[in-house]
C-alpha atoms as a PDB file:
ATOM      1  CA  MET A   1     113.106  92.219 105.372  1.00  0.00           C
ATOM      2  CA  ASN A   2     116.356  94.151 105.126  1.00  0.00           C
ATOM      3  CA  LYS A   3     116.471  95.655 108.626  1.00  0.00           C
ATOM      4  CA  GLN A   4     119.644  97.692 108.021  1.00  0.00           C
ATOM      5  CA  LEU A   5     118.164  99.342 104.942  1.00  0.00           C
ATOM      6  CA  ALA A   6     114.948 100.132 106.825  1.00  0.00           C
ATOM      7  CA  GLU A   7     116.976 101.645 109.682  1.00  0.00           C
ATOM      8  CA  ARG A   8     118.866 103.815 107.175  1.00  0.00           C
ATOM      9  CA  ALA A   9     115.561 105.025 105.755  1.00  0.00           C
ATOM     10  CA  VAL A  10     114.039 106.098 109.086  1.00  0.00           C
ATOM     11  CA  ALA A  11     117.325 107.759 110.087  1.00  0.00           C
ATOM     12  CA  CYS A  12     117.047 110.199 107.163  1.00  0.00           C
ATOM     13  CA  PRO A  13     116.018 113.711 108.215  1.00  0.00           C
ATOM     14  CA  ARG A  14     113.414 113.768 105.415  1.00  0.00           C
ATOM     15  CA  TRP A  15     111.840 110.433 106.377  1.00  0.00           C
ATOM     16  CA  ARG A  16     108.246 110.334 107.580  1.00  0.00           C
ATOM     17  CA  TRP A  17     105.464 107.789 107.535  1.00  0.00           C
ATOM     18  CA  LEU A  18     102.899 108.197 104.761  1.00  0.00           C
ATOM     19  CA  PRO A  19      99.430 106.645 104.469  1.00  0.00           C
ATOM     20  CA  GLY A  20      99.674 103.259 102.766  1.00  0.00           C
ATOM     21  CA  MET A  21     103.115 102.367 104.128  1.00  0.00           C
ATOM     22  CA  ARG A  22     103.520  99.066 105.933  1.00  0.00           C
ATOM     23  CA  SER A  23     105.665  98.595 109.009  1.00  0.00           C
ATOM     24  CA  VAL A  24     107.128  95.404 110.431  1.00  0.00           C
ATOM     25  CA  SER A  25     107.376  94.831 114.156  1.00  0.00           C
ATOM     26  CA  HIS A  26     110.141  93.008 116.007  1.00  0.00           C
ATOM     27  CA  GLY A  27     108.050  89.831 115.973  1.00  0.00           C
ATOM     28  CA  GLY A  28     107.588  90.001 112.215  1.00  0.00           C
ATOM     29  CA  HIS A  29     104.005  91.252 112.351  1.00  0.00           C
ATOM     30  CA  SER A  30     103.084  93.882 109.802  1.00  0.00           C
ATOM     31  CA  ARG A  31     100.703  96.805 109.972  1.00  0.00           C
ATOM     32  CA  ARG A  32      99.654  99.235 107.258  1.00  0.00           C
ATOM     33  CA  LEU A  33      99.145 102.921 108.000  1.00  0.00           C
ATOM     34  CA  ASP A  34      95.659 103.777 106.850  1.00  0.00           C
ATOM     35  CA  PRO A  35      94.043 107.200 106.934  1.00  0.00           C
ATOM     36  CA  PRO A  36      91.114 107.710 109.301  1.00  0.00           C
ATOM     37  CA  SER A  37      87.816 106.945 107.562  1.00  0.00           C
ATOM     38  CA  ASN A  38      86.620 110.544 107.899  1.00  0.00           C
ATOM     39  CA  ALA A  39      89.842 112.174 106.644  1.00  0.00           C
ATOM     40  CA  ARG A  40      90.218 114.096 103.406  1.00  0.00           C
ATOM     41  CA  GLY A  41      93.686 114.760 101.977  1.00  0.00           C
ATOM     42  CA  LEU A  42      96.979 114.373 103.805  1.00  0.00           C
ATOM     43  CA  HIS A  43      97.150 115.410 107.435  1.00  0.00           C
ATOM     44  CA  PRO A  44     100.254 115.669 109.593  1.00  0.00           C
ATOM     45  CA  TRP A  45      98.530 113.699 112.365  1.00  0.00           C
ATOM     46  CA  TRP A  46      98.599 110.513 110.266  1.00  0.00           C
ATOM     47  CA  THR A  47     101.635 109.178 112.013  1.00  0.00           C
ATOM     48  CA  TRP A  48     102.474 106.340 114.324  1.00  0.00           C
ATOM     49  CA  SER A  49     104.313 106.591 117.564  1.00  0.00           C
ATOM     50  CA  GLN A  50     107.290 104.281 117.984  1.00  0.00           C
ATOM     51  CA  GLY A  51     105.204 101.976 120.179  1.00  0.00           C
ATOM     52  CA  GLU A  52     102.307 101.746 117.751  1.00  0.00           C
ATOM     53  CA  CYS A  53     104.620 100.856 114.913  1.00  0.00           C
ATOM     54  CA  GLY A  54     106.630  98.151 116.658  1.00  0.00           C
ATOM     55  CA  GLU A  55     110.234  98.968 115.858  1.00  0.00           C
ATOM     56  CA  GLY A  56     109.098 101.768 113.588  1.00  0.00           C
ATOM     57  CA  LEU A  57     110.681 100.104 110.546  1.00  0.00           C
ATOM     58  CA  PRO A  58     109.164 100.264 107.078  1.00  0.00           C
ATOM     59  CA  ASP A  59     108.650  97.086 105.084  1.00  0.00           C
ATOM     60  CA  LEU A  60     110.728  97.964 102.024  1.00  0.00           C
ATOM     61  CA  SER A  61     109.664  94.771 100.273  1.00  0.00           C
ATOM     62  CA  ASP A  62     106.102  96.132 100.110  1.00  0.00           C
ATOM     63  CA  PRO A  63     105.318  97.838  96.757  1.00  0.00           C
ATOM     64  CA  ALA A  64     103.108 100.511  98.342  1.00  0.00           C
ATOM     65  CA  THR A  65     105.828 101.416 100.842  1.00  0.00           C
ATOM     66  CA  VAL A  66     108.423 101.665  98.048  1.00  0.00           C
ATOM     67  CA  GLY A  67     106.031 103.931  96.127  1.00  0.00           C
ATOM     68  CA  CYS A  68     105.720 106.170  99.171  1.00  0.00           C
ATOM     69  CA  LEU A  69     109.515 106.179  99.493  1.00  0.00           C
ATOM     70  CA  LEU A  70     109.711 107.425  95.884  1.00  0.00           C
ATOM     71  CA  ALA A  71     107.281 110.221  96.814  1.00  0.00           C
ATOM     72  CA  LEU A  72     109.536 111.197  99.740  1.00  0.00           C
ATOM     73  CA  VAL A  73     112.586 111.272  97.441  1.00  0.00           C
ATOM     74  CA  ARG A  74     110.748 113.489  94.945  1.00  0.00           C
ATOM     75  CA  GLU A  75     109.739 115.828  97.748  1.00  0.00           C
ATOM     76  CA  ALA A  76     113.258 115.897  99.220  1.00  0.00           C
ATOM     77  CA  TRP A  77     114.832 116.774  95.862  1.00  0.00           C
ATOM     78  CA  GLY A  78     112.037 119.182  94.906  1.00  0.00           C
ATOM     79  CA  ASP A  79     111.554 117.430  91.568  1.00  0.00           C
ATOM     80  CA  ARG A  80     108.356 115.566  90.743  1.00  0.00           C
ATOM     81  CA  TYR A  81     110.091 113.870  87.799  1.00  0.00           C
ATOM     82  CA  VAL A  82     112.571 111.865  89.898  1.00  0.00           C
ATOM     83  CA  TYR A  83     112.457 108.214  88.884  1.00  0.00           C
ATOM     84  CA  ALA A  84     114.183 104.918  89.586  1.00  0.00           C
ATOM     85  CA  MET A  85     115.201 102.511  86.866  1.00  0.00           C
ATOM     86  CA  ARG A  86     117.042  99.257  86.517  1.00  0.00           C
ATOM     87  CA  LEU A  87     120.180  99.306  84.380  1.00  0.00           C
ATOM     88  CA  ASN A  88     121.273  96.298  82.374  1.00  0.00           C
ATOM     89  CA  VAL A  89     124.986  96.786  82.096  1.00  0.00           C
ATOM     90  CA  ARG A  90     127.540  94.273  83.369  1.00  0.00           C
ATOM     91  CA  ARG A  91     125.591  93.854  86.556  1.00  0.00           C
ATOM     92  CA  GLN A  92     122.000  94.835  87.052  1.00  0.00           C
ATOM     93  CA  ILE A  93     121.640  97.767  89.420  1.00  0.00           C
ATOM     94  CA  TRP A  94     118.962 100.301  90.237  1.00  0.00           C
ATOM     95  CA  VAL A  95     119.661 104.016  89.916  1.00  0.00           C
ATOM     96  CA  VAL A  96     117.643 107.080  90.883  1.00  0.00           C
ATOM     97  CA  HIS A  97     117.660 109.975  88.427  1.00  0.00           C
ATOM     98  CA  VAL A  98     116.980 113.550  89.497  1.00  0.00           C
ATOM     99  CA  PRO A  99     116.375 115.276  86.126  1.00  0.00           C
ATOM    100  CA  SER A 100     116.557 118.819  87.528  1.00  0.00           C
ATOM    101  CA  ASP A 101     120.087 118.254  88.879  1.00  0.00           C
ATOM    102  CA  ARG A 102     123.144 118.425  86.636  1.00  0.00           C
ATOM    103  CA  HIS A 103     124.636 115.277  88.201  1.00  0.00           C
ATOM    104  CA  ASN A 104     121.328 113.511  87.915  1.00  0.00           C
ATOM    105  CA  ILE A 105     122.078 110.078  89.427  1.00  0.00           C
ATOM    106  CA  HIS A 106     121.778 110.361  93.194  1.00  0.00           C
ATOM    107  CA  GLY A 107     121.051 106.857  94.336  1.00  0.00           C
ATOM    108  CA  GLU A 108     122.255 103.407  93.404  1.00  0.00           C
ATOM    109  CA  GLY A 109     121.603  99.945  94.779  1.00  0.00           C
ATOM    110  CA  GLU A 110     120.903  96.307  94.101  1.00  0.00           C
ATOM    111  CA  THR A 111     117.180  96.919  94.642  1.00  0.00           C
ATOM    112  CA  GLU A 112     114.860  99.803  93.889  1.00  0.00           C
ATOM    113  CA  ALA A 113     114.353 100.409  97.613  1.00  0.00           C
ATOM    114  CA  GLU A 114     118.117 100.516  98.233  1.00  0.00           C
ATOM    115  CA  ALA A 115     118.607 103.081  95.456  1.00  0.00           C
ATOM    116  CA  LEU A 116     115.736 105.214  96.780  1.00  0.00           C
ATOM    117  CA  VAL A 117     117.092 105.162 100.343  1.00  0.00           C
ATOM    118  CA  ALA A 118     120.492 106.260  99.000  1.00  0.00           C
ATOM    119  CA  ALA A 119     118.805 109.127  97.112  1.00  0.00           C
ATOM    120  CA  LEU A 120     116.900 110.156 100.250  1.00  0.00           C
ATOM    121  CA  GLU A 121     120.160 110.140 102.220  1.00  0.00           C
ATOM    122  CA  ALA A 122     121.843 112.289  99.539  1.00  0.00           C
ATOM    123  CA  ALA A 123     119.029 114.857  99.369  1.00  0.00           C
ATOM    124  CA  PRO A 124     120.036 118.439 100.139  1.00  0.00           C
END
């Protein structure tokens, strides 16, 4: 797990835990945030406290967590069409496009998660 990237993600003002995300504790144990069995829709009380979530760091190698990160980026930019893609130029990098913005690349990185964290950091 890339701890520094996970720390950057949770430091973003627009970061929050979403159902389906997986966290990794200091000891390397993981836990997935699941909605209560009687819940319908998203509720603000679906969160973990720092103690319940170990270090409170997301597992950005987990596909479901990366998908939730994309949802947070779309919300932060106010554009449901935001997407990440891998470019095959001289070196392969990931970029995040925000179609509604004139300068539509707002995140770049060696991995999809890294590009999404950069886009979340750059969100207005």
